[in-house]
């Protein structure tokens, strides 16, 4: 199972080996031994799944320490732009964002370590997104950053008129004012 390093320390793109034939395809979406060979010792304890339609933007979300989560994100159906912002103070990529297209077709997954705000936009008619977490949801430690913070200047690949954002996400603070206890 090949891992591709990004310019962000600890943020990895995972491209599974896919076996295809006339019947369809098969691949291991997660293999603990392969992750351990990469130096990753994760104990996934919760899976989350969401279904959304075109234009939905979810995020940018995270949980504060000591309840922070590492996430392994993939699109089961459809196509998304998966976006993360490095909020680890002292990191060489602190305050920067990156977007990666994940789809049912490319079968890529993004391993998002603790200390990143995470969100995605739906680029296809609909999308089913699944992510594994190494810590349980903890409401009291949830935090986030406003998706359209001008300081971050994230291109969600969705026009302003087509963006569908929850009221809760619209009330999140900008990057400069977000809660942050990483680093």
N, C-alpha and C. Protein backbone atom coordinates (compact mmCIF):
# COMPACT_ATOMS: atom_id res chain seq x y z
N UNK A 1 0.84 -1.18 0.00
CA UNK A 1 0.00 0.00 0.00
C UNK A 1 0.88 1.24 0.00
N UNK A 2 0.98 1.90 -1.09
CA UNK A 2 1.90 3.04 -1.17
C UNK A 2 1.35 4.29 -0.49
N UNK A 3 2.26 4.99 0.18
CA UNK A 3 1.96 6.27 0.80
C UNK A 3 2.74 7.35 0.06
N UNK A 4 2.10 8.46 -0.16
CA UNK A 4 2.74 9.59 -0.82
C UNK A 4 2.82 10.72 0.20
N UNK A 5 4.03 11.19 0.44
CA UNK A 5 4.21 12.29 1.39
C UNK A 5 3.83 13.60 0.72
N UNK A 6 3.23 14.46 1.47
CA UNK A 6 2.89 15.80 0.99
C UNK A 6 3.93 16.78 1.52
N UNK A 7 3.81 18.03 1.15
CA UNK A 7 4.73 19.04 1.68
C UNK A 7 4.44 19.37 3.13
N UNK A 8 3.35 18.83 3.68
CA UNK A 8 2.95 19.07 5.06
C UNK A 8 3.42 17.88 5.91
N UNK A 9 4.31 18.10 6.87
CA UNK A 9 4.82 16.99 7.68
C UNK A 9 3.68 16.18 8.33
N UNK A 10 3.69 14.88 8.10
CA UNK A 10 2.70 13.98 8.69
C UNK A 10 1.44 13.77 7.88
N UNK A 11 1.18 14.63 6.91
CA UNK A 11 -0.01 14.52 6.07
C UNK A 11 0.33 13.62 4.88
N UNK A 12 -0.31 12.47 4.82
CA UNK A 12 0.01 11.47 3.80
C UNK A 12 -1.17 11.17 2.91
N UNK A 13 -0.88 10.96 1.63
CA UNK A 13 -1.88 10.49 0.67
C UNK A 13 -1.65 9.00 0.51
N UNK A 14 -2.70 8.25 0.64
CA UNK A 14 -2.63 6.80 0.60
C UNK A 14 -3.29 6.31 -0.68
N UNK A 15 -2.53 5.62 -1.53
CA UNK A 15 -3.06 5.06 -2.77
C UNK A 15 -2.98 3.54 -2.70
N UNK A 16 -4.10 2.89 -2.44
CA UNK A 16 -4.08 1.43 -2.31
C UNK A 16 -3.81 0.76 -3.66
N UNK A 17 -3.27 -0.45 -3.58
CA UNK A 17 -3.07 -1.27 -4.76
C UNK A 17 -4.42 -1.87 -5.13
N UNK A 18 -4.89 -1.58 -6.34
CA UNK A 18 -6.22 -2.01 -6.79
C UNK A 18 -6.07 -3.11 -7.82
N UNK A 19 -6.81 -4.19 -7.61
CA UNK A 19 -6.83 -5.31 -8.55
C UNK A 19 -8.15 -5.27 -9.30
N UNK A 20 -8.06 -5.09 -10.62
CA UNK A 20 -9.27 -5.00 -11.45
C UNK A 20 -9.30 -6.11 -12.47
N UNK A 21 -10.50 -6.58 -12.78
CA UNK A 21 -10.71 -7.51 -13.88
C UNK A 21 -12.15 -7.33 -14.38
N UNK A 22 -12.61 -8.24 -15.20
CA UNK A 22 -13.95 -8.09 -15.79
C UNK A 22 -15.07 -8.11 -14.76
N UNK A 23 -14.80 -8.61 -13.56
CA UNK A 23 -15.82 -8.66 -12.50
C UNK A 23 -15.96 -7.34 -11.76
N UNK A 24 -14.89 -6.56 -11.77
CA UNK A 24 -14.87 -5.31 -11.00
C UNK A 24 -13.50 -5.08 -10.42
N UNK A 25 -13.43 -4.76 -9.13
CA UNK A 25 -12.15 -4.50 -8.49
C UNK A 25 -12.15 -4.97 -7.06
N UNK A 26 -10.94 -5.07 -6.50
CA UNK A 26 -10.72 -5.41 -5.10
C UNK A 26 -9.52 -4.62 -4.62
N UNK A 27 -9.60 -4.10 -3.40
CA UNK A 27 -8.42 -3.48 -2.77
C UNK A 27 -8.59 -3.48 -1.26
N UNK A 28 -7.46 -3.42 -0.57
CA UNK A 28 -7.47 -3.29 0.88
C UNK A 28 -7.52 -1.80 1.20
N UNK A 29 -8.63 -1.35 1.74
CA UNK A 29 -8.75 0.08 2.07
C UNK A 29 -7.99 0.42 3.34
N UNK A 30 -7.73 -0.58 4.16
CA UNK A 30 -6.91 -0.38 5.35
C UNK A 30 -6.27 -1.70 5.71
N UNK A 31 -4.98 -1.65 6.03
CA UNK A 31 -4.24 -2.82 6.48
C UNK A 31 -3.29 -2.33 7.57
N UNK A 32 -3.53 -2.74 8.79
CA UNK A 32 -2.76 -2.26 9.94
C UNK A 32 -1.26 -2.49 9.75
N UNK A 33 -0.87 -3.64 9.21
CA UNK A 33 0.55 -3.94 9.03
C UNK A 33 1.21 -2.97 8.04
N UNK A 34 0.51 -2.64 6.97
CA UNK A 34 1.06 -1.70 5.98
C UNK A 34 1.26 -0.32 6.62
N UNK A 35 0.33 0.09 7.44
CA UNK A 35 0.45 1.38 8.11
C UNK A 35 1.62 1.34 9.11
N UNK A 36 1.77 0.23 9.81
CA UNK A 36 2.88 0.10 10.76
C UNK A 36 4.22 0.12 10.05
N UNK A 37 4.30 -0.49 8.86
CA UNK A 37 5.55 -0.44 8.08
C UNK A 37 5.89 1.00 7.70
N UNK A 38 4.89 1.85 7.60
CA UNK A 38 5.09 3.27 7.30
C UNK A 38 5.43 4.05 8.57
N UNK A 39 5.45 3.36 9.71
CA UNK A 39 5.74 4.01 10.99
C UNK A 39 4.51 4.58 11.65
N UNK A 40 3.34 4.15 11.20
CA UNK A 40 2.08 4.66 11.73
C UNK A 40 1.43 3.61 12.62
N UNK A 41 1.28 3.93 13.88
CA UNK A 41 0.62 3.05 14.82
C UNK A 41 -0.68 3.72 15.24
N UNK A 42 -1.76 3.35 14.58
CA UNK A 42 -3.05 3.97 14.82
C UNK A 42 -4.03 2.93 15.33
N UNK A 43 -4.86 3.34 16.25
CA UNK A 43 -5.90 2.47 16.77
C UNK A 43 -7.23 3.15 16.44
N UNK A 44 -7.78 2.82 15.26
CA UNK A 44 -9.03 3.44 14.85
C UNK A 44 -10.16 2.92 15.71
N UNK A 45 -10.98 3.85 16.25
CA UNK A 45 -12.04 3.48 17.20
C UNK A 45 -13.43 3.90 16.73
N UNK A 46 -13.51 4.70 15.67
CA UNK A 46 -14.80 5.20 15.23
C UNK A 46 -14.75 5.46 13.73
N UNK A 47 -15.81 5.06 13.03
CA UNK A 47 -15.98 5.39 11.61
C UNK A 47 -17.14 6.36 11.49
N UNK A 48 -16.96 7.39 10.67
CA UNK A 48 -18.02 8.37 10.40
C UNK A 48 -18.31 8.36 8.91
N UNK A 49 -19.57 8.49 8.55
CA UNK A 49 -19.96 8.52 7.14
C UNK A 49 -20.95 9.65 6.94
N UNK A 50 -20.77 10.37 5.83
CA UNK A 50 -21.72 11.43 5.49
C UNK A 50 -22.11 11.30 4.03
N UNK A 51 -23.30 11.75 3.74
CA UNK A 51 -23.81 11.81 2.37
C UNK A 51 -24.17 13.26 2.11
N UNK A 52 -23.72 13.80 0.98
CA UNK A 52 -23.98 15.21 0.67
C UNK A 52 -24.19 15.36 -0.82
N UNK A 53 -24.82 16.48 -1.19
CA UNK A 53 -25.03 16.75 -2.61
C UNK A 53 -24.07 17.83 -3.09
N UNK A 54 -24.06 18.04 -4.39
CA UNK A 54 -23.14 19.00 -5.00
C UNK A 54 -23.22 20.36 -4.30
N UNK A 55 -22.07 20.95 -4.06
CA UNK A 55 -21.99 22.28 -3.48
C UNK A 55 -21.86 22.33 -1.98
N UNK A 56 -22.10 21.20 -1.31
CA UNK A 56 -21.98 21.19 0.14
C UNK A 56 -20.51 21.36 0.52
N UNK A 57 -20.29 22.24 1.48
CA UNK A 57 -18.97 22.41 2.07
C UNK A 57 -19.10 22.12 3.56
N UNK A 58 -18.35 21.15 4.02
CA UNK A 58 -18.36 20.78 5.44
C UNK A 58 -16.99 21.13 6.03
N UNK A 59 -16.99 21.86 7.12
CA UNK A 59 -15.72 22.17 7.76
C UNK A 59 -15.54 23.67 7.91
N UNK A 60 -14.45 23.95 8.41
CA UNK A 60 -13.25 23.20 8.75
C UNK A 60 -13.32 22.80 10.24
N UNK A 61 -13.23 21.51 10.53
CA UNK A 61 -13.46 20.99 11.87
C UNK A 61 -12.23 20.31 12.44
N UNK A 62 -12.16 20.27 13.78
CA UNK A 62 -11.15 19.50 14.50
C UNK A 62 -11.57 19.43 15.96
N UNK A 63 -10.88 18.59 16.72
CA UNK A 63 -11.07 18.52 18.16
C UNK A 63 -9.76 18.92 18.83
N UNK A 64 -9.89 19.67 19.90
CA UNK A 64 -8.73 20.12 20.67
C UNK A 64 -8.12 18.95 21.46
N UNK A 65 -6.84 19.08 21.78
CA UNK A 65 -6.18 18.12 22.66
C UNK A 65 -6.84 18.18 24.03
N UNK A 66 -6.96 17.12 24.75
CA UNK A 66 -6.41 15.80 24.49
C UNK A 66 -7.34 14.89 23.68
N UNK A 67 -8.33 15.46 23.02
CA UNK A 67 -9.31 14.65 22.28
C UNK A 67 -9.13 14.75 20.77
N UNK A 68 -7.99 15.26 20.32
CA UNK A 68 -7.74 15.41 18.88
C UNK A 68 -7.81 14.06 18.17
N UNK A 69 -8.14 14.11 16.89
CA UNK A 69 -8.32 12.90 16.11
C UNK A 69 -7.40 12.89 14.89
N UNK A 70 -6.83 11.72 14.61
CA UNK A 70 -6.24 11.45 13.31
C UNK A 70 -7.35 10.82 12.49
N UNK A 71 -7.48 11.23 11.22
CA UNK A 71 -8.56 10.73 10.36
C UNK A 71 -7.98 10.14 9.08
N UNK A 72 -8.59 9.07 8.62
CA UNK A 72 -8.28 8.49 7.31
C UNK A 72 -9.55 8.67 6.48
N UNK A 73 -9.50 9.55 5.48
CA UNK A 73 -10.69 10.01 4.77
C UNK A 73 -10.72 9.45 3.35
N UNK A 74 -11.91 9.01 2.90
CA UNK A 74 -12.07 8.57 1.52
C UNK A 74 -13.49 8.79 1.04
N UNK A 75 -13.64 8.87 -0.27
CA UNK A 75 -14.96 8.99 -0.89
C UNK A 75 -15.38 7.60 -1.37
N UNK A 76 -16.48 7.11 -0.83
CA UNK A 76 -17.01 5.81 -1.25
C UNK A 76 -17.77 5.93 -2.57
N UNK A 77 -18.39 7.08 -2.75
CA UNK A 77 -19.17 7.37 -3.96
C UNK A 77 -19.03 8.85 -4.23
N UNK A 78 -18.83 9.19 -5.49
CA UNK A 78 -18.73 10.59 -5.87
C UNK A 78 -17.31 11.12 -5.79
N UNK A 79 -17.22 12.47 -5.74
CA UNK A 79 -15.93 13.14 -5.82
C UNK A 79 -15.95 14.35 -4.89
N UNK A 80 -14.89 14.49 -4.08
CA UNK A 80 -14.80 15.61 -3.15
C UNK A 80 -13.42 16.27 -3.27
N UNK A 81 -13.37 17.51 -2.83
CA UNK A 81 -12.10 18.18 -2.60
C UNK A 81 -11.91 18.14 -1.09
N UNK A 82 -10.95 17.35 -0.64
CA UNK A 82 -10.67 17.23 0.79
C UNK A 82 -9.63 18.30 1.14
N UNK A 83 -9.93 19.12 2.13
CA UNK A 83 -9.10 20.27 2.46
C UNK A 83 -8.66 20.19 3.92
N UNK A 84 -7.39 20.49 4.16
CA UNK A 84 -6.88 20.57 5.52
C UNK A 84 -6.09 21.87 5.69
N UNK A 85 -6.08 22.36 6.93
CA UNK A 85 -5.28 23.52 7.31
C UNK A 85 -4.41 23.09 8.48
N UNK A 86 -3.11 23.34 8.37
CA UNK A 86 -2.17 23.01 9.43
C UNK A 86 -2.30 24.03 10.54
N UNK A 87 -2.73 23.58 11.72
CA UNK A 87 -2.89 24.49 12.86
C UNK A 87 -1.88 24.16 13.97
N UNK A 88 -0.82 23.43 13.62
CA UNK A 88 0.22 23.07 14.59
C UNK A 88 1.23 24.22 14.68
N UNK A 89 1.15 24.96 15.77
CA UNK A 89 2.07 26.09 15.97
C UNK A 89 3.51 25.55 15.92
N UNK A 90 4.36 26.23 15.20
CA UNK A 90 5.75 25.80 15.06
C UNK A 90 6.00 24.90 13.86
N UNK A 91 4.96 24.44 13.21
CA UNK A 91 5.11 23.62 12.01
C UNK A 91 5.56 24.51 10.85
N UNK A 92 6.40 23.99 9.95
CA UNK A 92 6.81 24.81 8.80
C UNK A 92 5.66 25.16 7.86
N UNK A 93 4.54 24.44 7.98
CA UNK A 93 3.38 24.73 7.12
C UNK A 93 2.20 25.29 7.93
N UNK A 94 2.49 25.81 9.12
CA UNK A 94 1.45 26.39 9.97
C UNK A 94 0.68 27.46 9.21
N UNK A 95 -0.66 27.35 9.27
CA UNK A 95 -1.52 28.35 8.64
C UNK A 95 -1.73 28.15 7.16
N UNK A 96 -1.13 27.14 6.59
CA UNK A 96 -1.30 26.87 5.16
C UNK A 96 -2.32 25.75 4.96
N UNK A 97 -2.94 25.76 3.80
CA UNK A 97 -3.94 24.73 3.47
C UNK A 97 -3.52 23.97 2.23
N UNK A 98 -4.12 22.80 2.07
CA UNK A 98 -3.92 21.97 0.89
C UNK A 98 -5.24 21.26 0.61
N UNK A 99 -5.55 21.11 -0.67
CA UNK A 99 -6.74 20.38 -1.10
C UNK A 99 -6.36 19.23 -2.00
N UNK A 100 -6.98 18.08 -1.77
CA UNK A 100 -6.71 16.87 -2.54
C UNK A 100 -8.03 16.30 -3.00
N UNK A 101 -8.12 15.96 -4.29
CA UNK A 101 -9.34 15.34 -4.79
C UNK A 101 -9.35 13.86 -4.44
N UNK A 102 -10.43 13.47 -3.76
CA UNK A 102 -10.67 12.07 -3.43
C UNK A 102 -11.95 11.65 -4.14
N UNK A 103 -11.93 10.46 -4.72
CA UNK A 103 -13.12 10.01 -5.44
C UNK A 103 -13.26 8.50 -5.36
N UNK A 104 -14.45 8.02 -5.67
CA UNK A 104 -14.66 6.58 -5.76
C UNK A 104 -13.79 6.01 -6.87
N UNK A 105 -13.54 6.79 -7.90
CA UNK A 105 -12.74 6.31 -9.03
C UNK A 105 -11.26 6.21 -8.69
N UNK A 106 -10.68 7.25 -8.06
CA UNK A 106 -9.23 7.21 -7.80
C UNK A 106 -8.88 6.44 -6.54
N UNK A 107 -9.86 6.18 -5.68
CA UNK A 107 -9.70 5.37 -4.47
C UNK A 107 -8.62 5.88 -3.51
N UNK A 108 -8.19 7.11 -3.71
CA UNK A 108 -7.21 7.71 -2.82
C UNK A 108 -7.83 8.00 -1.46
N UNK A 109 -6.97 8.02 -0.43
CA UNK A 109 -7.39 8.38 0.91
C UNK A 109 -6.38 9.37 1.48
N UNK A 110 -6.85 10.25 2.33
CA UNK A 110 -5.97 11.22 2.95
C UNK A 110 -5.88 10.90 4.44
N UNK A 111 -4.65 10.74 4.92
CA UNK A 111 -4.42 10.53 6.35
C UNK A 111 -4.14 11.89 6.97
N UNK A 112 -5.10 12.36 7.76
CA UNK A 112 -5.04 13.69 8.36
C UNK A 112 -4.65 13.55 9.83
N UNK A 113 -3.42 13.93 10.18
CA UNK A 113 -3.00 13.78 11.58
C UNK A 113 -3.62 14.83 12.50
N UNK A 114 -3.48 14.59 13.78
CA UNK A 114 -3.91 15.56 14.79
C UNK A 114 -3.22 16.89 14.49
N UNK A 115 -3.93 17.97 14.75
CA UNK A 115 -3.33 19.29 14.53
C UNK A 115 -3.66 19.89 13.18
N UNK A 116 -4.62 19.30 12.48
CA UNK A 116 -5.10 19.85 11.22
C UNK A 116 -6.60 20.08 11.32
N UNK A 117 -7.07 21.22 10.81
CA UNK A 117 -8.50 21.43 10.62
C UNK A 117 -8.86 20.75 9.31
N UNK A 118 -10.02 20.12 9.25
CA UNK A 118 -10.40 19.31 8.09
C UNK A 118 -11.79 19.69 7.58
N UNK A 119 -11.94 19.65 6.27
CA UNK A 119 -13.23 19.86 5.65
C UNK A 119 -13.21 19.34 4.22
N UNK A 120 -14.37 19.37 3.58
CA UNK A 120 -14.42 18.97 2.17
C UNK A 120 -15.57 19.64 1.47
N UNK A 121 -15.45 19.73 0.15
CA UNK A 121 -16.54 20.21 -0.69
C UNK A 121 -16.91 19.09 -1.65
N UNK A 122 -18.18 19.03 -2.01
CA UNK A 122 -18.68 17.98 -2.90
C UNK A 122 -18.68 18.51 -4.34
N UNK A 123 -17.89 17.85 -5.19
CA UNK A 123 -17.72 18.27 -6.57
C UNK A 123 -18.60 17.49 -7.56
N UNK A 124 -19.15 16.38 -7.13
CA UNK A 124 -20.02 15.56 -7.98
C UNK A 124 -21.48 15.79 -7.57
N UNK A 125 -22.40 15.17 -8.29
CA UNK A 125 -23.83 15.33 -7.98
C UNK A 125 -24.12 14.99 -6.52
N UNK A 126 -23.54 13.89 -6.05
CA UNK A 126 -23.62 13.49 -4.64
C UNK A 126 -22.30 12.83 -4.26
N UNK A 127 -22.08 12.70 -2.97
CA UNK A 127 -20.87 12.01 -2.49
C UNK A 127 -21.15 11.36 -1.14
N UNK A 128 -20.62 10.17 -0.99
CA UNK A 128 -20.63 9.43 0.26
C UNK A 128 -19.19 9.44 0.77
N UNK A 129 -18.96 9.99 1.94
CA UNK A 129 -17.61 10.11 2.49
C UNK A 129 -17.52 9.31 3.79
N UNK A 130 -16.43 8.56 3.91
CA UNK A 130 -16.19 7.75 5.11
C UNK A 130 -14.84 8.15 5.68
N UNK A 131 -14.79 8.33 6.99
CA UNK A 131 -13.48 8.54 7.60
C UNK A 131 -13.39 7.80 8.92
N UNK A 132 -12.22 7.18 9.08
CA UNK A 132 -11.89 6.46 10.29
C UNK A 132 -11.22 7.45 11.24
N UNK A 133 -11.49 7.32 12.53
CA UNK A 133 -10.91 8.22 13.54
C UNK A 133 -10.22 7.40 14.63
N UNK A 134 -9.11 7.92 15.14
CA UNK A 134 -8.40 7.22 16.20
C UNK A 134 -8.79 7.71 17.60
N UNK A 135 -9.78 8.57 17.68
CA UNK A 135 -10.32 9.02 18.97
C UNK A 135 -11.82 9.25 18.79
N UNK A 136 -12.54 9.09 19.87
CA UNK A 136 -13.99 9.26 19.82
C UNK A 136 -14.37 10.74 19.71
N UNK A 137 -15.56 10.98 19.17
CA UNK A 137 -16.11 12.33 19.13
C UNK A 137 -16.28 12.82 20.55
N UNK A 138 -15.88 14.07 20.80
CA UNK A 138 -15.99 14.68 22.12
C UNK A 138 -16.51 16.11 21.93
N UNK A 139 -17.80 16.28 22.12
CA UNK A 139 -18.48 17.54 21.82
C UNK A 139 -17.81 18.75 22.47
N UNK A 140 -17.39 18.62 23.71
CA UNK A 140 -16.84 19.77 24.44
C UNK A 140 -15.50 20.24 23.85
N UNK A 141 -14.83 19.41 23.06
CA UNK A 141 -13.54 19.82 22.51
C UNK A 141 -13.61 20.14 21.02
N UNK A 142 -14.83 20.13 20.45
CA UNK A 142 -14.92 20.43 19.02
C UNK A 142 -14.63 21.90 18.78
N UNK A 143 -13.97 22.16 17.65
CA UNK A 143 -13.60 23.52 17.27
C UNK A 143 -13.57 23.59 15.74
N UNK A 144 -13.37 24.77 15.23
CA UNK A 144 -13.34 24.90 13.79
C UNK A 144 -12.90 26.27 13.33
N UNK A 145 -12.80 26.38 12.01
CA UNK A 145 -12.38 27.62 11.35
C UNK A 145 -13.37 27.90 10.22
N UNK A 146 -13.73 29.15 10.06
CA UNK A 146 -14.64 29.55 8.99
C UNK A 146 -14.08 29.14 7.63
N UNK A 147 -14.89 28.44 6.85
CA UNK A 147 -14.43 27.87 5.57
C UNK A 147 -13.92 28.92 4.59
N UNK A 148 -14.49 30.11 4.62
CA UNK A 148 -14.12 31.13 3.64
C UNK A 148 -13.30 32.27 4.25
N UNK A 149 -12.54 31.96 5.28
CA UNK A 149 -11.66 32.96 5.90
C UNK A 149 -10.74 33.54 4.82
N UNK A 150 -10.78 34.85 4.60
CA UNK A 150 -9.94 35.44 3.55
C UNK A 150 -8.44 35.27 3.80
N UNK A 151 -8.03 35.11 5.06
CA UNK A 151 -6.61 34.89 5.36
C UNK A 151 -6.14 33.54 4.82
N UNK A 152 -7.03 32.56 4.77
CA UNK A 152 -6.66 31.23 4.26
C UNK A 152 -6.81 31.15 2.74
N UNK A 153 -7.78 31.89 2.19
CA UNK A 153 -7.99 31.96 0.74
C UNK A 153 -8.08 30.57 0.09
N UNK A 154 -8.94 29.71 0.62
CA UNK A 154 -9.09 28.35 0.11
C UNK A 154 -10.02 28.36 -1.10
N UNK A 155 -9.59 27.73 -2.16
CA UNK A 155 -10.44 27.53 -3.34
C UNK A 155 -11.12 26.18 -3.19
N UNK A 156 -12.39 26.20 -2.85
CA UNK A 156 -13.16 24.98 -2.61
C UNK A 156 -13.68 24.37 -3.92
N UNK A 157 -13.42 25.02 -5.04
CA UNK A 157 -13.86 24.55 -6.37
C UNK A 157 -15.39 24.57 -6.49
N UNK A 158 -16.03 25.41 -5.68
CA UNK A 158 -17.49 25.60 -5.70
C UNK A 158 -17.72 27.11 -5.77
N UNK A 159 -18.55 27.54 -6.72
CA UNK A 159 -18.83 28.97 -6.80
C UNK A 159 -19.62 29.42 -5.57
N UNK A 160 -19.46 30.69 -5.23
CA UNK A 160 -20.12 31.24 -4.04
C UNK A 160 -21.63 30.99 -4.08
N UNK A 161 -22.24 31.13 -5.25
CA UNK A 161 -23.68 30.94 -5.38
C UNK A 161 -24.14 29.50 -5.22
N UNK A 162 -23.23 28.54 -5.39
CA UNK A 162 -23.58 27.12 -5.25
C UNK A 162 -23.17 26.52 -3.92
N UNK A 163 -22.47 27.28 -3.08
CA UNK A 163 -21.99 26.76 -1.80
C UNK A 163 -23.15 26.55 -0.83
N UNK A 164 -23.20 25.37 -0.24
CA UNK A 164 -24.20 25.02 0.77
C UNK A 164 -23.44 24.73 2.06
N UNK A 165 -23.60 25.62 3.05
CA UNK A 165 -22.84 25.53 4.29
C UNK A 165 -23.81 25.59 5.46
N UNK A 166 -23.59 24.76 6.46
CA UNK A 166 -24.49 24.75 7.62
C UNK A 166 -24.39 26.05 8.39
N UNK A 167 -25.46 26.40 9.08
CA UNK A 167 -25.45 27.58 9.93
C UNK A 167 -24.37 27.51 10.99
N UNK A 168 -24.16 26.34 11.54
CA UNK A 168 -23.13 26.14 12.56
C UNK A 168 -21.74 26.45 11.99
N UNK A 169 -21.47 25.99 10.77
CA UNK A 169 -20.16 26.24 10.16
C UNK A 169 -19.98 27.71 9.79
N UNK A 170 -21.07 28.40 9.47
CA UNK A 170 -20.99 29.82 9.14
C UNK A 170 -20.65 30.68 10.36
N UNK A 171 -20.84 30.14 11.56
CA UNK A 171 -20.55 30.88 12.79
C UNK A 171 -19.14 30.63 13.33
N UNK A 172 -18.37 29.77 12.65
CA UNK A 172 -17.02 29.48 13.12
C UNK A 172 -16.13 30.71 12.99
N UNK A 173 -15.12 30.84 13.87
CA UNK A 173 -14.22 32.00 13.79
C UNK A 173 -13.22 31.84 12.64
N UNK A 174 -12.58 32.94 12.28
CA UNK A 174 -11.50 32.89 11.31
C UNK A 174 -10.27 32.24 11.93
N UNK A 175 -9.27 31.98 11.10
CA UNK A 175 -8.04 31.32 11.55
C UNK A 175 -7.38 32.08 12.70
N UNK A 176 -7.28 33.38 12.60
CA UNK A 176 -6.59 34.19 13.61
C UNK A 176 -7.25 34.09 14.99
N UNK A 177 -8.56 33.81 15.03
CA UNK A 177 -9.29 33.78 16.30
C UNK A 177 -9.68 32.37 16.74
N UNK A 178 -9.27 31.35 16.00
CA UNK A 178 -9.72 29.99 16.33
C UNK A 178 -9.07 29.46 17.60
N UNK A 179 -9.78 28.56 18.27
CA UNK A 179 -9.22 27.89 19.44
C UNK A 179 -8.13 26.96 18.94
N UNK A 180 -6.99 26.97 19.65
CA UNK A 180 -5.88 26.16 19.20
C UNK A 180 -4.94 25.84 20.35
N UNK A 181 -4.82 24.54 20.67
CA UNK A 181 -3.85 24.14 21.70
C UNK A 181 -2.85 23.13 21.14
N UNK A 182 -2.55 23.24 19.84
CA UNK A 182 -1.57 22.35 19.19
C UNK A 182 -0.22 23.05 19.11
N UNK A 183 0.76 22.48 19.78
CA UNK A 183 2.12 23.02 19.71
C UNK A 183 2.25 24.21 20.56
